[in-house]
N, C-alpha and C. Protein backbone atom coordinates (compact mmCIF):
# COMPACT_ATOMS: atom_id res chain seq x y z
N MET A 1 58.00 12.35 81.24
CA MET A 1 56.22 12.19 81.17
C MET A 1 55.90 10.61 81.70
N SER A 2 55.10 10.06 82.33
CA SER A 2 54.36 9.16 82.97
C SER A 2 53.63 9.04 82.18
N PRO A 3 53.94 7.45 81.96
CA PRO A 3 52.53 7.00 81.14
C PRO A 3 51.32 7.01 81.41
N VAL A 4 50.34 7.20 80.78
CA VAL A 4 48.68 7.57 81.73
C VAL A 4 48.19 6.05 81.25
N THR A 5 47.43 5.33 82.65
CA THR A 5 47.09 4.49 82.59
C THR A 5 45.54 4.54 82.02
N GLN A 6 44.97 4.22 81.34
CA GLN A 6 43.61 4.57 81.36
C GLN A 6 42.76 3.11 81.50
N ASN A 7 41.97 2.88 82.77
CA ASN A 7 41.13 2.24 83.17
C ASN A 7 39.90 2.40 82.94
N PRO A 8 39.57 1.21 81.88
CA PRO A 8 37.94 1.35 81.26
C PRO A 8 36.78 1.57 82.39
N LEU A 9 35.67 2.30 82.33
CA LEU A 9 34.83 2.46 83.51
C LEU A 9 34.32 1.03 83.29
N PRO A 10 33.59 0.96 84.40
CA PRO A 10 32.68 -0.47 84.43
C PRO A 10 31.32 -0.44 83.69
N SER A 11 31.25 -1.05 82.62
CA SER A 11 30.17 -0.87 81.96
C SER A 11 28.40 -0.94 83.27
N PRO A 12 27.54 -0.48 82.58
CA PRO A 12 26.41 -0.09 83.53
C PRO A 12 25.85 -1.55 83.91
N GLY A 13 25.23 -2.14 84.58
CA GLY A 13 24.54 -3.57 84.75
C GLY A 13 24.72 -4.09 85.96
N LEU A 14 24.50 -5.39 85.71
CA LEU A 14 24.75 -6.45 86.67
C LEU A 14 26.19 -6.75 86.57
N ASN A 15 27.09 -6.76 87.26
CA ASN A 15 28.28 -7.37 87.30
C ASN A 15 28.38 -8.85 88.20
N LEU A 16 28.38 -10.07 87.80
CA LEU A 16 28.85 -10.90 88.36
C LEU A 16 30.40 -11.66 88.30
N ILE A 17 30.59 -12.50 88.86
CA ILE A 17 31.65 -13.03 88.99
C ILE A 17 32.24 -13.31 87.36
N LEU A 18 31.62 -13.98 86.58
CA LEU A 18 32.19 -15.04 85.46
C LEU A 18 31.55 -14.40 84.42
N PHE A 19 30.44 -13.34 84.50
CA PHE A 19 30.17 -12.42 83.56
C PHE A 19 28.97 -11.61 83.91
N SER A 20 28.76 -10.24 82.70
CA SER A 20 28.00 -9.69 83.35
C SER A 20 26.72 -9.24 82.62
N ILE A 21 25.75 -9.06 82.86
CA ILE A 21 24.17 -8.44 82.43
C ILE A 21 24.37 -7.36 82.12
N PRO A 22 24.26 -6.75 81.00
CA PRO A 22 24.01 -5.42 80.55
C PRO A 22 22.68 -4.51 80.94
N GLN A 23 22.75 -3.87 81.32
CA GLN A 23 21.23 -3.00 81.46
C GLN A 23 19.88 -2.95 80.63
N SER A 24 20.62 -2.94 79.45
CA SER A 24 19.52 -3.09 78.50
C SER A 24 18.84 -4.58 78.63
N CYS A 25 19.24 -5.58 78.68
CA CYS A 25 19.22 -7.12 78.87
C CYS A 25 17.91 -6.82 80.45
N LEU A 26 18.12 -6.83 81.31
CA LEU A 26 17.34 -6.38 82.51
C LEU A 26 16.21 -5.44 82.61
N LEU A 27 16.79 -4.64 81.76
CA LEU A 27 15.56 -3.73 81.67
C LEU A 27 14.32 -4.71 80.62
N GLN A 28 14.58 -5.36 79.60
CA GLN A 28 13.83 -6.17 78.85
C GLN A 28 13.00 -7.43 79.69
N ILE A 29 13.79 -7.33 80.60
CA ILE A 29 13.18 -8.74 81.31
C ILE A 29 12.27 -8.41 82.26
N ALA A 30 12.97 -6.93 82.86
CA ALA A 30 11.85 -6.14 83.95
C ALA A 30 10.34 -5.92 83.31
N THR A 31 10.90 -5.38 81.97
CA THR A 31 9.28 -5.13 80.98
C THR A 31 8.47 -6.30 80.74
N ALA A 32 9.31 -7.28 80.50
CA ALA A 32 8.35 -8.61 80.05
C ALA A 32 8.03 -8.73 81.10
N SER A 33 8.52 -8.69 82.47
CA SER A 33 7.58 -9.43 83.50
C SER A 33 6.49 -8.65 84.02
N MET A 34 6.58 -7.29 83.96
CA MET A 34 5.75 -6.54 84.13
C MET A 34 4.26 -6.57 83.27
N LEU A 35 4.35 -6.59 82.15
CA LEU A 35 3.66 -6.58 80.72
C LEU A 35 3.00 -8.30 81.38
N LEU A 36 3.81 -9.14 81.53
CA LEU A 36 3.10 -10.76 82.16
C LEU A 36 2.26 -10.42 83.25
N LEU A 37 2.56 -9.38 84.22
CA LEU A 37 2.09 -9.75 85.66
C LEU A 37 0.57 -8.61 85.39
N LEU A 38 0.72 -7.94 84.42
CA LEU A 38 -0.72 -6.86 84.18
C LEU A 38 -1.24 -7.78 83.25
N VAL A 39 -1.07 -8.74 82.52
CA VAL A 39 -1.94 -9.89 82.01
C VAL A 39 -2.84 -10.39 82.51
N ALA A 40 -1.88 -11.10 83.48
CA ALA A 40 -2.52 -12.14 84.61
C ALA A 40 -3.52 -11.33 85.50
N ASP A 41 -3.12 -10.25 85.81
CA ASP A 41 -4.00 -9.28 86.72
C ASP A 41 -5.73 -9.32 86.05
N LYS A 42 -5.41 -8.81 84.55
CA LYS A 42 -6.53 -8.66 83.90
C LYS A 42 -7.46 -10.33 84.14
N ALA A 43 -6.74 -11.39 83.56
CA ALA A 43 -7.23 -12.89 83.33
C ALA A 43 -7.84 -13.00 85.12
N THR A 44 -6.98 -12.76 86.25
CA THR A 44 -7.93 -12.77 87.30
C THR A 44 -8.81 -12.38 87.59
N GLY A 45 -8.82 -11.05 87.39
CA GLY A 45 -10.18 -10.50 87.42
C GLY A 45 -10.93 -11.14 86.59
N GLN A 46 -10.77 -11.35 85.32
CA GLN A 46 -11.96 -11.86 84.70
C GLN A 46 -12.66 -13.07 85.42
N ALA A 47 -11.71 -13.70 85.69
CA ALA A 47 -12.03 -15.40 86.27
C ALA A 47 -13.08 -15.28 87.60
N LEU A 48 -12.97 -13.89 88.88
CA LEU A 48 -13.41 -14.31 90.09
C LEU A 48 -14.79 -13.12 89.21
N GLU A 49 -14.85 -12.28 88.12
CA GLU A 49 -15.90 -11.58 88.30
C GLU A 49 -17.49 -13.26 87.45
N ALA A 50 -16.35 -13.82 86.61
CA ALA A 50 -17.41 -15.03 86.23
C ALA A 50 -17.89 -15.86 87.85
N LEU A 51 -16.55 -15.90 88.10
CA LEU A 51 -17.31 -17.13 89.45
C LEU A 51 -18.07 -16.56 90.34
N GLY A 52 -18.13 -14.94 90.43
CA GLY A 52 -18.98 -14.24 91.27
C GLY A 52 -20.43 -14.34 90.47
N SER A 53 -20.53 -14.47 89.15
CA SER A 53 -21.42 -14.59 88.13
C SER A 53 -22.44 -16.16 88.47
N ALA A 54 -21.54 -16.73 88.47
CA ALA A 54 -21.75 -18.46 88.98
C ALA A 54 -22.47 -18.89 89.69
N SER A 55 -21.86 -18.02 91.04
CA SER A 55 -21.95 -18.44 92.50
C SER A 55 -23.66 -17.94 92.34
N GLU A 56 -23.84 -16.55 91.85
CA GLU A 56 -25.20 -15.90 91.78
C GLU A 56 -26.48 -16.92 91.46
N GLU A 57 -25.80 -17.23 90.47
CA GLU A 57 -26.96 -18.18 89.64
C GLU A 57 -27.41 -19.53 90.00
N VAL A 58 -26.68 -19.87 91.25
CA VAL A 58 -26.55 -21.16 91.91
C VAL A 58 -28.23 -20.79 92.95
N PHE A 59 -27.51 -19.41 93.49
CA PHE A 59 -28.66 -19.07 94.31
C PHE A 59 -29.55 -18.13 94.01
N ARG A 60 -30.11 -18.39 92.72
CA ARG A 60 -31.03 -17.80 92.45
C ARG A 60 -32.28 -18.67 92.52
N GLY A 61 -33.31 -18.03 93.08
CA GLY A 61 -34.86 -18.70 93.68
C GLY A 61 -35.55 -19.68 92.03
N ASP A 62 -35.30 -19.11 91.29
CA ASP A 62 -35.64 -20.16 89.97
C ASP A 62 -35.16 -21.06 89.67
N ARG A 63 -33.97 -21.57 90.59
CA ARG A 63 -33.83 -22.55 89.74
C ARG A 63 -33.24 -23.71 90.46
N LEU A 64 -34.12 -23.44 91.81
CA LEU A 64 -34.10 -23.93 92.73
C LEU A 64 -35.66 -25.03 92.73
N PRO A 65 -35.68 -26.16 93.67
CA PRO A 65 -36.78 -27.25 93.14
C PRO A 65 -37.75 -27.12 93.99
N LEU A 66 -38.84 -27.04 94.18
CA LEU A 66 -40.16 -27.00 94.82
C LEU A 66 -40.43 -27.95 95.72
N LEU A 67 -40.48 -27.46 96.49
CA LEU A 67 -40.10 -28.33 97.62
C LEU A 67 -42.04 -28.71 98.55
N ASN A 68 -42.19 -29.89 98.59
CA ASN A 68 -43.81 -29.67 98.71
C ASN A 68 -43.89 -29.82 100.53
N PHE A 69 -44.62 -28.93 101.01
CA PHE A 69 -44.72 -29.20 102.45
C PHE A 69 -46.13 -29.60 102.86
N PRO A 70 -46.43 -30.28 103.77
CA PRO A 70 -47.72 -30.38 104.40
C PRO A 70 -48.52 -29.42 104.92
N ASP A 71 -50.04 -29.36 104.58
CA ASP A 71 -50.55 -28.44 104.65
C ASP A 71 -51.04 -28.14 106.49
N GLU A 72 -51.28 -27.05 107.07
CA GLU A 72 -51.64 -27.17 108.24
C GLU A 72 -52.64 -27.77 108.69
N GLN A 73 -53.53 -28.29 107.85
CA GLN A 73 -54.72 -28.89 108.40
C GLN A 73 -54.00 -30.82 108.31
N GLU A 74 -53.42 -31.34 107.91
CA GLU A 74 -52.77 -32.57 107.42
C GLU A 74 -51.80 -32.65 108.89
N LEU A 75 -50.86 -31.28 109.68
CA LEU A 75 -50.01 -31.86 110.69
C LEU A 75 -51.08 -31.69 111.85
N ASN A 76 -52.27 -30.53 111.79
CA ASN A 76 -53.19 -30.38 112.89
C ASN A 76 -53.81 -32.11 113.26
N GLN A 77 -54.39 -32.76 111.87
CA GLN A 77 -54.82 -33.95 111.98
C GLN A 77 -53.87 -35.25 112.98
N SER A 78 -52.34 -35.31 112.60
CA SER A 78 -51.37 -36.26 113.27
C SER A 78 -51.46 -36.40 114.41
């Protein structure tokens, strides 16, 4: 009877030359990065909304200075 050699199954994950990264660590890294992207997306949306509101305030008429235009009579006399 010949001896049976058992080859270990390769572990799931990222196998590099010097070490391997388990699948659970890759999943944790991917989850954390996705959550960070969601938070950044929400913060960016709020910042753009605030910027839009601030730009509307700049162009509102009640905040602009009153300009003194000469009357038509003064223009015709000159």
